[in-house]
Amino acid sequence: MKRISILGSTGSIGRSALDVIGSYPDEFTVMALAAGRNIALLKNQIERFRPRLAAVIDEERACELRRLLNANATTAVRYGSEGYREAAAISGADLVVSAMVGAVGLIPTLDAIAAGKAIALANKETLVMAGGIVLREAAERGVPIIPVDSEHSAIFQCLQGHRREDVQRIILTASGGPFLHLSQKELTAVTPAQALKHPNWTMGKKITIDSATMMNKGLEVIEAGWLFGIPVIAIDVLVHPQSIVHSLVEYRDGSVIAQLAVPDMRIPIAYALAFPRRLHRRADPPLDLAKVGALEFLTPDLERFPCLQLAYTAAGIGGTMPTVMNGANECAVEAFIDAKIGFNDICRLIQEVLDRHHVQEEPTIDAILAADRWAREEIGKMIEGMRN
């Protein structure tokens, strides 16, 4: 019986993780759940999985959750950053699913590592912002980090049984999102509602918009560099609209190994939860390649999707630059969803913030958090200026 804590339990990854856990009651039990504002869903999760602790974003929602729970509920309710940190480091947990959206997931993930918990990592921003620090802390404590994102899980699987020094190249696949064939002029007019209609995956709002701009793939390039010790120059991206091949690893003898599966996040989540074992799949038909038919692979258009190039550039500069890019992107995406800026403004504003940033080459965690705050303040001023 593996004991699991989930940071971000009401998000798309958290819900899928609990779906997997609920399907294997003899394999897993839930120790802690951390969520944001979706108190109604969290209440249902608590009643089903009976964790020892639950954490929410603020005191008001903590009070609401306590009111909604049965008087006999034994789950302790906490709130705020301290509540999240307590959920991450809770005694008795074997593995922490880091699935909070955005920069907010960094500190709780570090707390889980400090407490010696294995990490199932779905929060790519943690490594984008502070990859060197996170991996150093994990190595010092002997903490494994198992990727959950479908692309990084695919690479992780393709590396099993092979020597890392034999790796020539990593190839991340990207669906291309809903606007793969639109022109720059057409992209100017797209709406948040259109951008939130992903052709293959059901995801949260932020990651869905990131997929539409291909910033998500840029963040994954940076994450892959840290996770697998590969320079970003050796990490390529191919657009693969069918989302069947989740990523590939090319070895120096010319062999290329790929991982294929239907586009269902429960597959990489189950792999991360049960690693090194594989669980028997209990639902949905298996991959039928004859039914899928042709598989396409395209070179990404960096003029149409400049956010991908921004990520490569930020990764090449290093230091606090990826942190600033991530913070600016989070704010720009939120502004786009709220219809405060246009789709093409996302990348333009991020670029302006990057141009103004003075990079700190070997930042401490405090410097990283300060750079993140600066980026958000800077882009906030720009967005406000556009509205006035």
Protein backbone atom coordinates (compact mmCIF):
# COMPACT_ATOMS: atom_id res chain seq x y z
CA MET A 1 0.00 0.00 0.00
CA LYS A 2 1.60 3.25 -1.18
CA ARG A 3 0.57 6.40 0.71
CA ILE A 4 0.00 9.43 -1.54
CA SER A 5 -0.35 13.19 -1.05
CA ILE A 6 -1.68 15.29 -3.91
CA LEU A 7 -0.86 18.97 -4.31
CA GLY A 8 -3.49 20.33 -6.70
CA SER A 9 -6.14 17.69 -6.16
CA THR A 10 -9.00 19.60 -7.84
CA GLY A 11 -7.06 20.37 -11.04
CA SER A 12 -7.06 18.15 -14.11
CA ILE A 13 -3.99 16.14 -13.04
CA GLY A 14 -5.18 15.87 -9.45
CA ARG A 15 -8.60 14.61 -10.51
CA SER A 16 -7.05 12.06 -12.85
CA ALA A 17 -4.63 10.94 -10.12
CA LEU A 18 -7.52 10.35 -7.73
CA ASP A 19 -9.36 8.48 -10.47
CA VAL A 20 -6.36 6.15 -10.76
CA ILE A 21 -6.07 5.80 -6.98
CA GLY A 22 -9.77 5.07 -6.67
CA SER A 23 -9.46 2.30 -9.27
CA TYR A 24 -6.75 0.53 -7.25
CA PRO A 25 -7.89 0.66 -3.59
CA ASP A 26 -5.52 -2.16 -2.66
CA GLU A 27 -2.53 -0.27 -4.06
CA PHE A 28 -2.91 3.30 -2.77
CA THR A 29 -4.25 5.38 0.09
CA VAL A 30 -4.49 9.18 0.30
CA MET A 31 -2.70 11.04 3.09
CA ALA A 32 -3.26 14.70 2.15
CA LEU A 33 -5.02 16.83 -0.45
CA ALA A 34 -4.20 20.43 -1.33
CA ALA A 35 -6.48 22.54 -3.51
CA GLY A 36 -7.26 26.14 -4.33
CA ARG A 37 -10.78 27.51 -4.51
CA ASN A 38 -12.92 24.56 -5.62
CA ILE A 39 -14.23 23.74 -2.16
CA ALA A 40 -17.25 21.74 -3.33
CA LEU A 41 -15.09 19.29 -5.27
CA LEU A 42 -12.50 19.08 -2.51
CA LYS A 43 -15.25 18.25 -0.02
CA ASN A 44 -16.34 15.33 -2.22
CA GLN A 45 -12.74 14.15 -2.54
CA ILE A 46 -12.29 14.25 1.22
CA GLU A 47 -15.47 12.28 1.81
CA ARG A 48 -14.38 9.59 -0.65
CA PHE A 49 -10.67 9.28 0.16
CA ARG A 50 -10.61 10.38 3.83
CA PRO A 51 -7.17 12.00 3.92
CA ARG A 52 -5.57 12.95 7.20
CA LEU A 53 -5.17 16.59 6.08
CA ALA A 54 -6.58 19.00 3.48
CA ALA A 55 -5.28 22.46 2.60
CA VAL A 56 -6.92 25.33 0.72
CA ILE A 57 -5.85 28.76 -0.45
CA ASP A 58 -7.10 30.98 2.36
CA GLU A 59 -8.83 31.10 5.74
CA GLU A 60 -12.25 31.98 4.30
CA ARG A 61 -12.34 28.83 2.22
CA ALA A 62 -10.95 26.76 5.08
CA CYS A 63 -13.90 27.87 7.20
CA GLU A 64 -16.29 27.06 4.36
CA LEU A 65 -14.77 23.60 3.95
CA ARG A 66 -15.05 22.86 7.68
CA ARG A 67 -18.70 23.91 7.56
CA LEU A 68 -19.43 21.62 4.59
CA LEU A 69 -17.71 18.56 6.02
CA ASN A 70 -19.58 16.09 8.15
CA ALA A 71 -19.24 16.80 11.86
CA ASN A 72 -17.59 13.40 12.26
CA ALA A 73 -14.94 14.07 9.60
CA THR A 74 -11.43 13.39 10.84
CA THR A 75 -9.61 15.40 8.16
CA ALA A 76 -7.69 18.38 9.54
CA VAL A 77 -8.18 21.53 7.45
CA ARG A 78 -5.33 23.99 6.89
CA TYR A 79 -4.91 27.00 4.61
CA GLY A 80 -2.44 29.29 2.87
CA SER A 81 1.20 28.66 2.09
CA GLU A 82 1.76 27.02 5.48
CA GLY A 83 -1.15 24.66 4.84
CA TYR A 84 0.28 23.67 1.47
CA ARG A 85 3.69 23.11 2.98
CA GLU A 86 2.19 20.92 5.72
CA ALA A 87 0.35 18.84 3.12
CA ALA A 88 3.57 18.43 1.13
CA ALA A 89 5.63 17.23 4.08
CA ILE A 90 2.99 15.25 5.97
CA SER A 91 4.36 12.37 8.00
CA GLY A 92 3.70 8.92 6.59
CA ALA A 93 3.35 9.82 2.92
CA ASP A 94 5.54 7.85 0.53
CA LEU A 95 4.99 9.94 -2.59
CA VAL A 96 3.79 13.47 -3.33
CA VAL A 97 2.04 14.29 -6.59
CA SER A 98 3.15 17.85 -7.38
CA ALA A 99 0.30 19.06 -9.60
CA MET A 100 -0.35 22.63 -8.50
CA VAL A 101 -0.57 25.03 -11.44
CA GLY A 102 2.22 27.56 -11.85
CA ALA A 103 4.92 28.99 -9.62
CA VAL A 104 2.90 28.36 -6.47
CA GLY A 105 3.96 24.71 -6.65
CA LEU A 106 7.70 25.39 -6.22
CA ILE A 107 7.99 25.80 -2.43
CA PRO A 108 5.67 22.91 -1.48
CA THR A 109 7.62 20.64 -3.82
CA LEU A 110 10.87 21.66 -2.15
CA ASP A 111 9.25 20.98 1.23
CA ALA A 112 8.24 17.50 0.08
CA ILE A 113 11.80 16.84 -1.07
CA ALA A 114 13.20 18.12 2.25
CA ALA A 115 10.88 15.66 4.01
CA GLY A 116 12.27 12.80 1.92
CA LYS A 117 9.14 12.15 -0.15
CA ALA A 118 9.36 10.70 -3.64
CA ILE A 119 7.99 13.21 -6.15
CA ALA A 120 5.60 12.54 -9.03
CA LEU A 121 6.19 15.81 -10.85
CA ALA A 122 3.42 17.38 -12.93
CA ASN A 123 4.30 20.98 -12.07
CA LYS A 124 6.80 21.83 -14.80
CA GLU A 125 7.23 25.38 -13.46
CA THR A 126 9.12 23.96 -10.48
CA LEU A 127 12.03 22.95 -12.71
CA VAL A 128 11.68 25.89 -15.10
CA MET A 129 12.13 28.30 -12.19
CA ALA A 130 14.62 26.44 -10.01
CA GLY A 131 15.74 23.25 -11.72
CA GLY A 132 19.30 23.34 -10.38
CA ILE A 133 18.22 23.88 -6.79
CA VAL A 134 15.44 21.29 -6.92
CA LEU A 135 17.60 18.56 -8.43
CA ARG A 136 20.47 19.27 -6.05
CA GLU A 137 18.15 19.02 -3.04
CA ALA A 138 16.65 15.79 -4.38
CA ALA A 139 20.07 14.26 -5.03
CA GLU A 140 21.34 15.14 -1.56
CA ARG A 141 18.35 13.41 0.05
CA GLY A 142 18.14 10.47 -2.35
CA VAL A 143 14.65 11.56 -3.44
CA PRO A 144 13.46 10.22 -6.82
CA ILE A 145 11.64 12.60 -9.17
CA ILE A 146 9.31 10.73 -11.52
CA PRO A 147 7.80 12.81 -14.34
CA VAL A 148 4.05 12.83 -14.87
CA ASP A 149 3.67 14.98 -18.00
CA SER A 150 2.99 12.62 -20.88
CA GLU A 151 6.05 13.81 -22.82
CA HIS A 152 8.49 13.52 -19.94
CA SER A 153 7.00 10.22 -18.84
CA ALA A 154 7.57 8.98 -22.39
CA ILE A 155 11.22 10.04 -22.31
CA PHE A 156 11.65 8.52 -18.85
CA GLN A 157 10.28 5.23 -20.15
CA CYS A 158 12.40 5.32 -23.32
CA LEU A 159 15.54 5.78 -21.18
CA GLN A 160 14.91 2.73 -19.00
CA GLY A 161 17.63 0.13 -19.53
CA HIS A 162 19.85 2.44 -21.56
CA ARG A 163 22.96 4.46 -20.74
CA ARG A 164 22.39 8.22 -20.55
CA GLU A 165 25.77 8.83 -22.23
CA ASP A 166 24.43 7.03 -25.31
CA VAL A 167 21.62 9.58 -25.78
CA GLN A 168 22.08 11.70 -28.88
CA ARG A 169 18.85 13.69 -28.88
CA ILE A 170 15.47 14.01 -27.22
CA ILE A 171 12.43 14.73 -29.36
CA LEU A 172 9.38 16.18 -27.62
CA THR A 173 6.11 15.90 -29.48
CA ALA A 174 3.49 18.65 -29.48
CA SER A 175 -0.10 18.47 -30.59
CA GLY A 176 0.10 21.94 -32.10
CA GLY A 177 -3.01 22.99 -30.20
CA PRO A 178 -6.19 24.37 -31.75
CA PHE A 179 -4.47 26.94 -34.00
CA LEU A 180 -1.90 24.81 -35.78
CA HIS A 181 -2.87 25.99 -39.27
CA LEU A 182 -3.96 29.57 -38.57
CA SER A 183 -2.01 32.53 -39.96
CA GLN A 184 -0.56 35.30 -37.81
CA LYS A 185 -3.41 37.56 -38.92
CA GLU A 186 -6.00 34.96 -37.94
CA LEU A 187 -4.30 34.44 -34.56
CA THR A 188 -4.77 38.12 -33.78
CA ALA A 189 -8.54 37.63 -33.73
CA VAL A 190 -8.85 34.39 -31.75
CA THR A 191 -10.86 34.44 -28.53
CA PRO A 192 -10.21 32.79 -25.17
CA ALA A 193 -13.13 30.44 -25.81
CA GLN A 194 -11.52 29.26 -29.07
CA ALA A 195 -8.11 28.87 -27.43
CA LEU A 196 -9.59 26.73 -24.64
CA LYS A 197 -10.87 24.10 -27.09
CA HIS A 198 -7.93 21.71 -27.30
CA PRO A 199 -8.34 19.07 -30.03
CA ASN A 200 -6.92 16.12 -28.05
CA TRP A 201 -6.50 16.76 -24.33
CA THR A 202 -8.80 17.88 -21.52
CA MET A 203 -6.70 20.17 -19.34
CA GLY A 204 -6.93 23.21 -17.07
CA LYS A 205 -7.26 26.68 -18.56
CA LYS A 206 -3.66 27.80 -18.08
CA ILE A 207 -2.02 24.76 -19.67
CA THR A 208 -4.58 24.77 -22.50
CA ILE A 209 -3.69 28.36 -23.43
CA ASP A 210 0.00 27.48 -23.11
CA SER A 211 -0.61 24.66 -25.57
CA ALA A 212 -2.26 27.09 -27.99
CA THR A 213 0.76 29.44 -27.88
CA MET A 214 3.22 26.48 -27.68
CA MET A 215 4.72 28.06 -24.55
CA ASN A 216 3.82 24.78 -22.86
CA LYS A 217 6.24 22.99 -25.15
CA GLY A 218 8.89 25.59 -24.41
CA LEU A 219 8.47 25.01 -20.68
CA GLU A 220 8.73 21.28 -21.33
CA VAL A 221 12.00 21.75 -23.23
CA ILE A 222 13.48 23.48 -20.17
CA GLU A 223 12.04 20.85 -17.83
CA ALA A 224 13.44 18.01 -19.96
CA GLY A 225 16.89 19.58 -19.90
CA TRP A 226 16.90 19.51 -16.10
CA LEU A 227 15.20 16.14 -15.66
CA PHE A 228 17.42 14.21 -18.03
CA GLY A 229 20.66 16.18 -17.92
CA ILE A 230 20.44 17.07 -21.62
CA PRO A 231 21.46 20.49 -23.02
CA VAL A 232 18.48 22.21 -24.64
CA ILE A 233 20.37 22.33 -27.94
CA ALA A 234 19.92 18.54 -28.03
CA ILE A 235 16.16 18.74 -27.40
CA ASP A 236 13.97 19.11 -30.49
CA VAL A 237 10.23 19.58 -30.88
CA LEU A 238 8.02 17.97 -33.52
CA VAL A 239 4.36 18.78 -34.00
CA HIS A 240 2.38 15.53 -33.93
CA PRO A 241 -1.34 16.35 -34.24
CA GLN A 242 -2.58 12.85 -33.33
CA SER A 243 -0.92 12.88 -29.86
CA ILE A 244 -0.18 9.15 -30.05
CA VAL A 245 3.63 9.27 -29.98
CA HIS A 246 4.31 11.08 -26.72
CA SER A 247 8.04 11.61 -27.22
CA LEU A 248 11.15 9.92 -28.58
CA VAL A 249 14.79 9.37 -27.65
CA GLU A 250 17.48 9.08 -30.32
CA TYR A 251 20.65 7.17 -29.42
CA ARG A 252 24.09 7.67 -30.89
CA ASP A 253 23.87 4.45 -32.94
CA GLY A 254 20.93 5.93 -34.86
CA SER A 255 18.23 4.00 -33.01
CA VAL A 256 15.12 5.97 -32.04
CA ILE A 257 12.86 4.68 -29.28
CA ALA A 258 9.35 6.09 -28.86
CA GLN A 259 6.53 5.64 -26.35
CA LEU A 260 3.01 5.42 -27.76
CA ALA A 261 -0.39 5.46 -26.07
CA VAL A 262 -3.84 6.93 -26.46
CA PRO A 263 -3.98 10.55 -25.19
CA ASP A 264 -5.09 9.81 -21.63
CA MET A 265 -3.21 11.35 -18.68
CA ARG A 266 -4.21 8.46 -16.45
CA ILE A 267 -1.58 6.31 -18.21
CA PRO A 268 1.52 8.36 -17.25
CA ILE A 269 -0.02 9.13 -13.85
CA ALA A 270 -0.49 5.43 -13.10
CA TYR A 271 3.08 4.75 -14.24
CA ALA A 272 4.43 7.42 -11.88
CA LEU A 273 2.32 6.28 -8.93
CA ALA A 274 3.23 2.59 -9.25
CA PHE A 275 6.81 2.92 -10.55
CA PRO A 276 8.75 0.69 -11.11
CA ARG A 277 5.73 -1.58 -11.59
CA ARG A 278 3.04 -1.16 -14.24
CA LEU A 279 -0.62 -1.44 -13.27
CA HIS A 280 -3.08 -3.47 -15.31
CA ARG A 281 -5.28 -1.03 -17.26
CA ARG A 282 -8.88 -1.50 -16.18
CA ALA A 283 -10.76 0.87 -18.46
CA ASP A 284 -10.98 2.08 -22.07
CA PRO A 285 -9.82 0.22 -25.19
CA PRO A 286 -6.08 -0.10 -25.90
CA LEU A 287 -4.26 1.78 -28.64
CA ASP A 288 -5.39 0.55 -32.07
CA LEU A 289 -2.83 1.77 -34.60
CA ALA A 290 -4.81 0.41 -37.54
CA LYS A 291 -7.75 2.53 -36.46
CA VAL A 292 -5.55 5.59 -35.86
CA GLY A 293 -4.13 5.33 -39.37
CA ALA A 294 -1.48 7.83 -40.43
CA LEU A 295 0.78 9.55 -37.89
CA GLU A 296 2.03 13.02 -38.90
CA PHE A 297 5.15 14.87 -37.76
CA LEU A 298 5.77 18.51 -38.62
CA THR A 299 8.45 21.07 -37.85
CA PRO A 300 6.97 23.80 -35.58
CA ASP A 301 6.54 27.22 -37.17
CA LEU A 302 8.44 29.56 -34.86
CA GLU A 303 7.09 32.66 -36.59
CA ARG A 304 3.52 31.58 -35.89
CA PHE A 305 4.38 30.35 -32.39
CA PRO A 306 7.25 32.57 -31.15
CA CYS A 307 6.76 31.54 -27.50
CA LEU A 308 8.63 28.31 -28.26
CA GLN A 309 11.65 30.27 -29.46
CA LEU A 310 11.41 32.52 -26.37
CA ALA A 311 11.77 29.45 -24.16
CA TYR A 312 14.83 28.19 -26.04
CA THR A 313 16.41 31.63 -25.73
CA ALA A 314 15.61 31.92 -22.02
CA ALA A 315 17.01 28.45 -21.38
CA GLY A 316 20.20 29.33 -23.22
CA ILE A 317 20.68 32.45 -21.07
CA GLY A 318 19.79 30.60 -17.87
CA GLY A 319 19.91 32.07 -14.38
CA THR A 320 16.74 33.95 -13.53
CA MET A 321 15.66 34.37 -17.16
CA PRO A 322 13.45 31.23 -17.31
CA THR A 323 11.87 32.28 -13.98
CA VAL A 324 11.01 35.71 -15.38
CA MET A 325 9.65 34.19 -18.58
CA ASN A 326 7.44 31.83 -16.60
CA GLY A 327 6.09 34.52 -14.27
CA ALA A 328 5.37 36.89 -17.16
CA ASN A 329 3.66 34.10 -19.08
CA GLU A 330 1.39 33.18 -16.18
CA CYS A 331 0.20 36.78 -15.91
CA ALA A 332 -0.20 37.20 -19.66
CA VAL A 333 -2.24 34.01 -19.95
CA GLU A 334 -4.51 35.14 -17.11
CA ALA A 335 -4.99 38.51 -18.80
CA PHE A 336 -5.85 36.83 -22.10
CA ILE A 337 -8.40 34.53 -20.44
CA ASP A 338 -9.95 37.64 -18.85
CA ALA A 339 -10.06 39.30 -22.32
CA LYS A 340 -7.72 42.10 -21.23
CA ILE A 341 -5.19 41.41 -23.99
CA GLY A 342 -5.16 39.66 -27.37
CA PHE A 343 -3.67 36.26 -28.17
CA ASN A 344 -0.60 37.65 -29.94
CA ASP A 345 -0.04 40.09 -27.07
CA ILE A 346 0.96 37.16 -24.83
CA CYS A 347 4.32 36.58 -26.50
CA ARG A 348 4.92 40.27 -27.23
CA LEU A 349 4.52 41.24 -23.57
CA ILE A 350 6.69 38.37 -22.35
CA GLN A 351 9.43 39.45 -24.74
CA GLU A 352 9.28 43.02 -23.43
CA VAL A 353 9.64 41.80 -19.85
CA LEU A 354 12.62 39.61 -20.79
CA ASP A 355 14.26 42.55 -22.55
CA ARG A 356 14.06 44.60 -19.33
CA HIS A 357 15.37 41.91 -17.01
CA HIS A 358 18.89 41.94 -15.56
CA VAL A 359 19.81 38.28 -15.21
CA GLN A 360 21.21 36.83 -12.01
CA GLU A 361 23.31 33.89 -13.14
CA GLU A 362 23.37 31.64 -10.04
CA PRO A 363 20.31 32.66 -8.03
CA THR A 364 19.32 31.48 -4.58
CA ILE A 365 15.73 30.45 -3.97
CA ASP A 366 15.05 33.92 -2.54
CA ALA A 367 16.45 35.53 -5.70
CA ILE A 368 14.27 33.26 -7.83
CA LEU A 369 11.14 34.23 -5.89
CA ALA A 370 12.13 37.91 -6.16
CA ALA A 371 12.60 37.59 -9.94
CA ASP A 372 9.19 35.96 -10.20
CA ARG A 373 7.57 38.83 -8.28
CA TRP A 374 9.39 41.41 -10.41
CA ALA A 375 8.19 39.79 -13.64
CA ARG A 376 4.59 39.76 -12.48
CA GLU A 377 4.72 43.39 -11.38
CA GLU A 378 6.39 44.46 -14.61
CA ILE A 379 3.94 42.77 -16.94
CA GLY A 380 1.05 43.91 -14.74
CA LYS A 381 2.07 47.52 -15.36
CA MET A 382 2.23 46.88 -19.11
CA ILE A 383 -1.22 45.29 -19.19
CA GLU A 384 -2.68 48.13 -17.16
CA GLY A 385 -1.06 50.62 -19.51
CA MET A 386 -2.69 48.93 -22.50
CA ARG A 387 -6.11 49.34 -20.91
CA ASN A 388 -5.71 53.06 -20.08
